[in-house]
């Protein structure tokens, strides 16, 4: 009886199937933090000489350049 219990405890101790799930959860959490930090940094950039700010300013700048090359028909 004691040998059976000890065997089950050793099997439980050596089982690493749950460790992978925890590692993936930690990696996913770190990835989310990195993505949110990048979005925050890009989204709240400082104003430079051209008057653009952050991510929105970058997209506005791209839109202005495209409009300058191919203006919309009026």
PDB file of N, CA and C in Angstrom:
ATOM      1  N   UNK A   1       0.825  -1.188   0.000  1.00  0.00           N
ATOM      2  CA  UNK A   1       0.000   0.000   0.000  1.00  0.00           C
ATOM      3  C   UNK A   1       0.875   1.260   0.000  1.00  0.00           C
ATOM      4  N   UNK A   2       1.865   1.288   0.859  1.00  0.00           N
ATOM      5  CA  UNK A   2       2.753   2.442   0.939  1.00  0.00           C
ATOM      6  C   UNK A   2       3.558   2.585  -0.343  1.00  0.00           C
ATOM      7  N   UNK A   3       3.960   1.458  -0.925  1.00  0.00           N
ATOM      8  CA  UNK A   3       4.701   1.501  -2.190  1.00  0.00           C
ATOM      9  C   UNK A   3       3.845   2.075  -3.314  1.00  0.00           C
ATOM     10  N   UNK A   4       2.580   1.744  -3.312  1.00  0.00           N
ATOM     11  CA  UNK A   4       1.673   2.251  -4.339  1.00  0.00           C
ATOM     12  C   UNK A   4       1.513   3.767  -4.219  1.00  0.00           C
ATOM     13  N   UNK A   5       1.377   4.265  -2.999  1.00  0.00           N
ATOM     14  CA  UNK A   5       1.241   5.707  -2.763  1.00  0.00           C
ATOM     15  C   UNK A   5       2.529   6.418  -3.161  1.00  0.00           C
ATOM     16  N   UNK A   6       3.669   5.861  -2.763  1.00  0.00           N
ATOM     17  CA  UNK A   6       4.956   6.475  -3.101  1.00  0.00           C
ATOM     18  C   UNK A   6       5.161   6.494  -4.611  1.00  0.00           C
ATOM     19  N   UNK A   7       4.742   5.433  -5.285  1.00  0.00           N
ATOM     20  CA  UNK A   7       4.862   5.364  -6.742  1.00  0.00           C
ATOM     21  C   UNK A   7       4.023   6.456  -7.406  1.00  0.00           C
ATOM     22  N   UNK A   8       2.802   6.645  -6.925  1.00  0.00           N
ATOM     23  CA  UNK A   8       1.934   7.686  -7.481  1.00  0.00           C
ATOM     24  C   UNK A   8       2.494   9.079  -7.195  1.00  0.00           C
ATOM     25  N   UNK A   9       3.051   9.295  -6.008  1.00  0.00           N
ATOM     26  CA  UNK A   9       3.652  10.587  -5.692  1.00  0.00           C
ATOM     27  C   UNK A   9       4.867  10.864  -6.571  1.00  0.00           C
ATOM     28  N   UNK A  10       5.676   9.844  -6.819  1.00  0.00           N
ATOM     29  CA  UNK A  10       6.839  10.020  -7.700  1.00  0.00           C
ATOM     30  C   UNK A  10       6.402  10.307  -9.132  1.00  0.00           C
ATOM     31  N   UNK A  11       5.361   9.619  -9.591  1.00  0.00           N
ATOM     32  CA  UNK A  11       4.847   9.888 -10.936  1.00  0.00           C
ATOM     33  C   UNK A  11       4.331  11.318 -11.041  1.00  0.00           C
ATOM     34  N   UNK A  12       3.646  11.773 -10.003  1.00  0.00           N
ATOM     35  CA  UNK A  12       3.130  13.145  -9.991  1.00  0.00           C
ATOM     36  C   UNK A  12       4.272  14.157  -9.982  1.00  0.00           C
ATOM     37  N   UNK A  13       5.305  13.880  -9.195  1.00  0.00           N
ATOM     38  CA  UNK A  13       6.453  14.775  -9.093  1.00  0.00           C
ATOM     39  C   UNK A  13       7.201  14.867 -10.429  1.00  0.00           C
ATOM     40  N   UNK A  14       7.291  13.781 -11.148  1.00  0.00           N
ATOM     41  CA  UNK A  14       8.040  13.748 -12.410  1.00  0.00           C
ATOM     42  C   UNK A  14       7.213  14.180 -13.616  1.00  0.00           C
ATOM     43  N   UNK A  15       5.911  14.357 -13.433  1.00  0.00           N
ATOM     44  CA  UNK A  15       5.046  14.763 -14.539  1.00  0.00           C
ATOM     45  C   UNK A  15       5.266  16.235 -14.852  1.00  0.00           C
ATOM     46  N   UNK A  16       5.680  16.541 -16.075  1.00  0.00           N
ATOM     47  CA  UNK A  16       5.957  17.915 -16.483  1.00  0.00           C
ATOM     48  C   UNK A  16       4.977  18.414 -17.542  1.00  0.00           C
ATOM     49  N   UNK A  17       3.853  17.780 -17.695  1.00  0.00           N
ATOM     50  CA  UNK A  17       2.907  18.182 -18.739  1.00  0.00           C
ATOM     51  C   UNK A  17       2.312  19.565 -18.465  1.00  0.00           C
ATOM     52  N   UNK A  18       2.105  19.930 -17.221  1.00  0.00           N
ATOM     53  CA  UNK A  18       1.558  21.241 -16.894  1.00  0.00           C
ATOM     54  C   UNK A  18       2.576  22.364 -16.995  1.00  0.00           C
ATOM     55  N   UNK A  19       3.850  22.024 -16.925  1.00  0.00           N
ATOM     56  CA  UNK A  19       4.895  23.041 -16.979  1.00  0.00           C
ATOM     57  C   UNK A  19       4.889  23.758 -18.323  1.00  0.00           C
ATOM     58  N   UNK A  20       4.630  23.046 -19.386  1.00  0.00           N
ATOM     59  CA  UNK A  20       4.603  23.673 -20.714  1.00  0.00           C
ATOM     60  C   UNK A  20       3.490  24.712 -20.800  1.00  0.00           C
ATOM     61  N   UNK A  21       2.329  24.394 -20.260  1.00  0.00           N
ATOM     62  CA  UNK A  21       1.217  25.336 -20.303  1.00  0.00           C
ATOM     63  C   UNK A  21       1.549  26.606 -19.529  1.00  0.00           C
ATOM     64  N   UNK A  22       2.198  26.455 -18.387  1.00  0.00           N
ATOM     65  CA  UNK A  22       2.565  27.632 -17.592  1.00  0.00           C
ATOM     66  C   UNK A  22       3.603  28.465 -18.332  1.00  0.00           C
ATOM     67  N   UNK A  23       4.565  27.807 -18.956  1.00  0.00           N
ATOM     68  CA  UNK A  23       5.586  28.538 -19.714  1.00  0.00           C
ATOM     69  C   UNK A  23       4.955  29.307 -20.874  1.00  0.00           C
ATOM     70  N   UNK A  24       4.030  28.688 -21.583  1.00  0.00           N
ATOM     71  CA  UNK A  24       3.353  29.385 -22.686  1.00  0.00           C
ATOM     72  C   UNK A  24       2.534  30.560 -22.172  1.00  0.00           C
ATOM     73  N   UNK A  25       1.900  30.421 -21.028  1.00  0.00           N
ATOM     74  CA  UNK A  25       1.118  31.521 -20.465  1.00  0.00           C
ATOM     75  C   UNK A  25       2.022  32.690 -20.088  1.00  0.00           C
ATOM     76  N   UNK A  26       3.182  32.392 -19.528  1.00  0.00           N
ATOM     77  CA  UNK A  26       4.122  33.463 -19.164  1.00  0.00           C
ATOM     78  C   UNK A  26       4.635  34.150 -20.428  1.00  0.00           C
ATOM     79  N   UNK A  27       4.976  33.378 -21.453  1.00  0.00           N
ATOM     80  CA  UNK A  27       5.450  33.978 -22.706  1.00  0.00           C
ATOM     81  C   UNK A  27       4.361  34.845 -23.338  1.00  0.00           C
ATOM     82  N   UNK A  28       3.111  34.392 -23.305  1.00  0.00           N
ATOM     83  CA  UNK A  28       2.013  35.175 -23.865  1.00  0.00           C
ATOM     84  C   UNK A  28       1.827  36.474 -23.087  1.00  0.00           C
ATOM     85  N   UNK A  29       1.937  36.417 -21.778  1.00  0.00           N
ATOM     86  CA  UNK A  29       1.794  37.630 -20.963  1.00  0.00           C
ATOM     87  C   UNK A  29       2.909  38.631 -21.266  1.00  0.00           C
ATOM     88  N   UNK A  30       4.134  38.139 -21.409  1.00  0.00           N
ATOM     89  CA  UNK A  30       5.255  39.028 -21.741  1.00  0.00           C
ATOM     90  C   UNK A  30       5.051  39.641 -23.117  1.00  0.00           C
ATOM     91  N   UNK A  31       4.581  38.850 -24.066  1.00  0.00           N
ATOM     92  CA  UNK A  31       4.331  39.348 -25.415  1.00  0.00           C
ATOM     93  C   UNK A  31       3.261  40.438 -25.407  1.00  0.00           C
ATOM     94  N   UNK A  32       2.216  40.258 -24.634  1.00  0.00           N
ATOM     95  CA  UNK A  32       1.162  41.263 -24.536  1.00  0.00           C
ATOM     96  C   UNK A  32       1.721  42.560 -23.954  1.00  0.00           C
ATOM     97  N   UNK A  33       2.551  42.457 -22.930  1.00  0.00           N
ATOM     98  CA  UNK A  33       3.143  43.653 -22.325  1.00  0.00           C
ATOM     99  C   UNK A  33       4.028  44.386 -23.332  1.00  0.00           C
ATOM    100  N   UNK A  34       4.813  43.644 -24.100  1.00  0.00           N
ATOM    101  CA  UNK A  34       5.693  44.259 -25.094  1.00  0.00           C
ATOM    102  C   UNK A  34       4.874  44.951 -26.176  1.00  0.00           C
ATOM    103  N   UNK A  35       3.819  44.309 -26.651  1.00  0.00           N
ATOM    104  CA  UNK A  35       2.980  44.905 -27.697  1.00  0.00           C
ATOM    105  C   UNK A  35       2.294  46.168 -27.170  1.00  0.00           C
ATOM    106  N   UNK A  36       1.758  46.113 -25.963  1.00  0.00           N
ATOM    107  CA  UNK A  36       1.098  47.292 -25.393  1.00  0.00           C
ATOM    108  C   UNK A  36       2.093  48.431 -25.179  1.00  0.00           C
ATOM    109  N   UNK A  37       3.300  48.110 -24.752  1.00  0.00           N
ATOM    110  CA  UNK A  37       4.318  49.150 -24.567  1.00  0.00           C
ATOM    111  C   UNK A  37       4.683  49.784 -25.900  1.00  0.00           C
ATOM    112  N   UNK A  38       4.811  48.973 -26.945  1.00  0.00           N
ATOM    113  CA  UNK A  38       5.143  49.508 -28.267  1.00  0.00           C
ATOM    114  C   UNK A  38       4.022  50.400 -28.790  1.00  0.00           C
ATOM    115  N   UNK A  39       2.792  49.985 -28.611  1.00  0.00           N
ATOM    116  CA  UNK A  39       1.658  50.798 -29.063  1.00  0.00           C
ATOM    117  C   UNK A  39       1.610  52.111 -28.282  1.00  0.00           C
ATOM    118  N   UNK A  40       1.864  52.044 -26.987  1.00  0.00           N
ATOM    119  CA  UNK A  40       1.850  53.262 -26.176  1.00  0.00           C
ATOM    120  C   UNK A  40       2.958  54.215 -26.620  1.00  0.00           C
ATOM    121  N   UNK A  41       4.157  53.688 -26.823  1.00  0.00           N
ATOM    122  CA  UNK A  41       5.286  54.534 -27.218  1.00  0.00           C
ATOM    123  C   UNK A  41       5.047  55.142 -28.595  1.00  0.00           C
ATOM    124  N   UNK A  42       4.589  54.329 -29.540  1.00  0.00           N
ATOM    125  CA  UNK A  42       4.345  54.839 -30.887  1.00  0.00           C
ATOM    126  C   UNK A  42       3.141  55.767 -30.937  1.00  0.00           C
ATOM    127  N   UNK A  43       2.157  55.498 -30.110  1.00  0.00           N
ATOM    128  CA  UNK A  43       0.936  56.292 -30.137  1.00  0.00           C
ATOM    129  C   UNK A  43       1.054  57.623 -29.447  1.00  0.00           C
ATOM    130  N   UNK A  44       2.024  57.785 -28.578  1.00  0.00           N
ATOM    131  CA  UNK A  44       2.164  59.041 -27.841  1.00  0.00           C
ATOM    132  C   UNK A  44       3.525  59.669 -28.102  1.00  0.00           C
ATOM    133  N   UNK A  45       3.990  59.552 -29.315  1.00  0.00           N
ATOM    134  CA  UNK A  45       5.289  60.124 -29.661  1.00  0.00           C
ATOM    135  C   UNK A  45       5.289  61.631 -29.528  1.00  0.00           C
ATOM    136  N   UNK A  46       6.462  62.198 -29.443  1.00  0.00           N
ATOM    137  CA  UNK A  46       6.556  63.650 -29.306  1.00  0.00           C
ATOM    138  C   UNK A  46       6.489  64.308 -30.671  1.00  0.00           C
ATOM    139  N   UNK A  47       6.099  65.551 -30.677  1.00  0.00           N
ATOM    140  CA  UNK A  47       5.989  66.292 -31.929  1.00  0.00           C
ATOM    141  C   UNK A  47       7.378  66.618 -32.442  1.00  0.00           C
ATOM    142  N   UNK A  48       7.603  66.319 -33.721  1.00  0.00           N
ATOM    143  CA  UNK A  48       8.890  66.664 -34.317  1.00  0.00           C
ATOM    144  C   UNK A  48       8.728  67.902 -35.191  1.00  0.00           C
ATOM    145  N   UNK A  49       9.732  68.228 -35.972  1.00  0.00           N
ATOM    146  CA  UNK A  49       9.720  69.445 -36.773  1.00  0.00           C
ATOM    147  C   UNK A  49       8.621  69.507 -37.812  1.00  0.00           C
ATOM    148  N   UNK A  50       8.121  68.363 -38.287  1.00  0.00           N
ATOM    149  CA  UNK A  50       7.103  68.369 -39.337  1.00  0.00           C
ATOM    150  C   UNK A  50       5.688  68.474 -38.778  1.00  0.00           C
ATOM    151  N   UNK A  51       5.545  68.497 -37.468  1.00  0.00           N
ATOM    152  CA  UNK A  51       4.228  68.632 -36.866  1.00  0.00           C
ATOM    153  C   UNK A  51       3.496  67.320 -36.692  1.00  0.00           C
ATOM    154  N   UNK A  52       4.158  66.200 -36.935  1.00  0.00           N
ATOM    155  CA  UNK A  52       3.512  64.910 -36.738  1.00  0.00           C
ATOM    156  C   UNK A  52       3.806  64.412 -35.331  1.00  0.00           C
ATOM    157  N   UNK A  53       2.890  63.644 -34.801  1.00  0.00           N
ATOM    158  CA  UNK A  53       3.077  63.113 -33.450  1.00  0.00           C
ATOM    159  C   UNK A  53       2.686  61.643 -33.427  1.00  0.00           C
ATOM    160  N   UNK A  54       3.606  60.800 -33.043  1.00  0.00           N
ATOM    161  CA  UNK A  54       3.333  59.394 -32.803  1.00  0.00           C
ATOM    162  C   UNK A  54       2.819  58.632 -34.003  1.00  0.00           C
ATOM    163  N   UNK A  55       2.099  57.583 -33.722  1.00  0.00           N
ATOM    164  CA  UNK A  55       1.600  56.682 -34.749  1.00  0.00           C
ATOM    165  C   UNK A  55       0.575  57.359 -35.653  1.00  0.00           C
ATOM    166  N   UNK A  56      -0.344  58.126 -35.079  1.00  0.00           N
ATOM    167  CA  UNK A  56      -1.345  58.820 -35.885  1.00  0.00           C
ATOM    168  C   UNK A  56      -0.665  59.814 -36.820  1.00  0.00           C
ATOM    169  N   UNK A  57       0.312  60.514 -36.316  1.00  0.00           N
ATOM    170  CA  UNK A  57       1.038  61.458 -37.156  1.00  0.00           C
ATOM    171  C   UNK A  57       1.771  60.772 -38.296  1.00  0.00           C
ATOM    172  N   UNK A  58       2.306  59.589 -38.025  1.00  0.00           N
ATOM    173  CA  UNK A  58       2.990  58.837 -39.086  1.00  0.00           C
ATOM    174  C   UNK A  58       2.013  58.458 -40.189  1.00  0.00           C
ATOM    175  N   UNK A  59       0.835  57.968 -39.810  1.00  0.00           N
ATOM    176  CA  UNK A  59      -0.157  57.603 -40.821  1.00  0.00           C
ATOM    177  C   UNK A  59      -0.680  58.833 -41.560  1.00  0.00           C
ATOM    178  N   UNK A  60      -0.843  59.937 -40.848  1.00  0.00           N
ATOM    179  CA  UNK A  60      -1.266  61.174 -41.510  1.00  0.00           C
ATOM    180  C   UNK A  60      -0.208  61.640 -42.515  1.00  0.00           C
ATOM    181  N   UNK A  61       1.050  61.494 -42.145  1.00  0.00           N
ATOM    182  CA  UNK A  61       2.139  61.869 -43.025  1.00  0.00           C
ATOM    183  C   UNK A  61       2.144  61.005 -44.290  1.00  0.00           C
ATOM    184  N   UNK A  62       1.931  59.708 -44.130  1.00  0.00           N
ATOM    185  CA  UNK A  62       1.868  58.805 -45.281  1.00  0.00           C
ATOM    186  C   UNK A  62       0.691  59.174 -46.178  1.00  0.00           C
ATOM    187  N   UNK A  63      -0.464  59.448 -45.556  1.00  0.00           N
ATOM    188  CA  UNK A  63      -1.657  59.835 -46.329  1.00  0.00           C
ATOM    189  C   UNK A  63      -1.408  61.119 -47.113  1.00  0.00           C
ATOM    190  N   UNK A  64      -0.771  62.094 -46.488  1.00  0.00           N
ATOM    191  CA  UNK A  64      -0.473  63.355 -47.177  1.00  0.00           C
ATOM    192  C   UNK A  64       0.449  63.125 -48.376  1.00  0.00           C
ATOM    193  N   UNK A  65       1.436  62.270 -48.214  1.00  0.00           N
ATOM    194  CA  UNK A  65       2.367  61.999 -49.316  1.00  0.00           C
ATOM    195  C   UNK A  65       1.676  61.271 -50.465  1.00  0.00           C
ATOM    196  N   UNK A  66       0.779  60.345 -50.129  1.00  0.00           N
ATOM    197  CA  UNK A  66       0.027  59.637 -51.177  1.00  0.00           C
ATOM    198  C   UNK A  66      -0.897  60.611 -51.897  1.00  0.00           C
ATOM    199  N   UNK A  67      -1.568  61.480 -51.137  1.00  0.00           N
ATOM    200  CA  UNK A  67      -2.460  62.472 -51.746  1.00  0.00           C
ATOM    201  C   UNK A  67      -1.686  63.444 -52.635  1.00  0.00           C
ATOM    202  N   UNK A  68      -0.451  63.774 -52.276  1.00  0.00           N
ATOM    203  CA  UNK A  68       0.353  64.670 -53.078  1.00  0.00           C
ATOM    204  C   UNK A  68       0.745  64.025 -54.407  1.00  0.00           C
ATOM    205  N   UNK A  69       0.960  62.713 -54.391  1.00  0.00           N
ATOM    206  CA  UNK A  69       1.321  62.017 -55.637  1.00  0.00           C
ATOM    207  C   UNK A  69       0.088  61.808 -56.511  1.00  0.00           C
ATOM    208  N   UNK A  70      -1.033  61.445 -55.897  1.00  0.00           N
ATOM    209  CA  UNK A  70      -2.241  61.114 -56.634  1.00  0.00           C
ATOM    210  C   UNK A  70      -3.417  61.870 -56.025  1.00  0.00           C
ATOM    211  N   UNK A  71      -3.613  63.139 -56.358  1.00  0.00           N
ATOM    212  CA  UNK A  71      -4.708  63.889 -55.742  1.00  0.00           C
ATOM    213  C   UNK A  71      -6.062  63.355 -56.198  1.00  0.00           C
ATOM    214  N   UNK A  72      -7.026  63.431 -55.314  1.00  0.00           N
ATOM    215  CA  UNK A  72      -8.384  62.950 -55.620  1.00  0.00           C
ATOM    216  C   UNK A  72      -9.039  63.870 -56.641  1.00  0.00           C
ATOM    217  N   UNK A  73      -9.833  63.282 -57.528  1.00  0.00           N
ATOM    218  CA  UNK A  73     -10.548  64.082 -58.532  1.00  0.00           C
ATOM    219  C   UNK A  73     -11.629  64.902 -57.836  1.00  0.00           C
ATOM    220  N   UNK A  74     -11.712  66.140 -58.235  1.00  0.00           N
ATOM    221  CA  UNK A  74     -12.702  67.012 -57.591  1.00  0.00           C
ATOM    222  C   UNK A  74     -13.903  67.179 -58.466  1.00  0.00           C
TER     223      UNK A  74
END
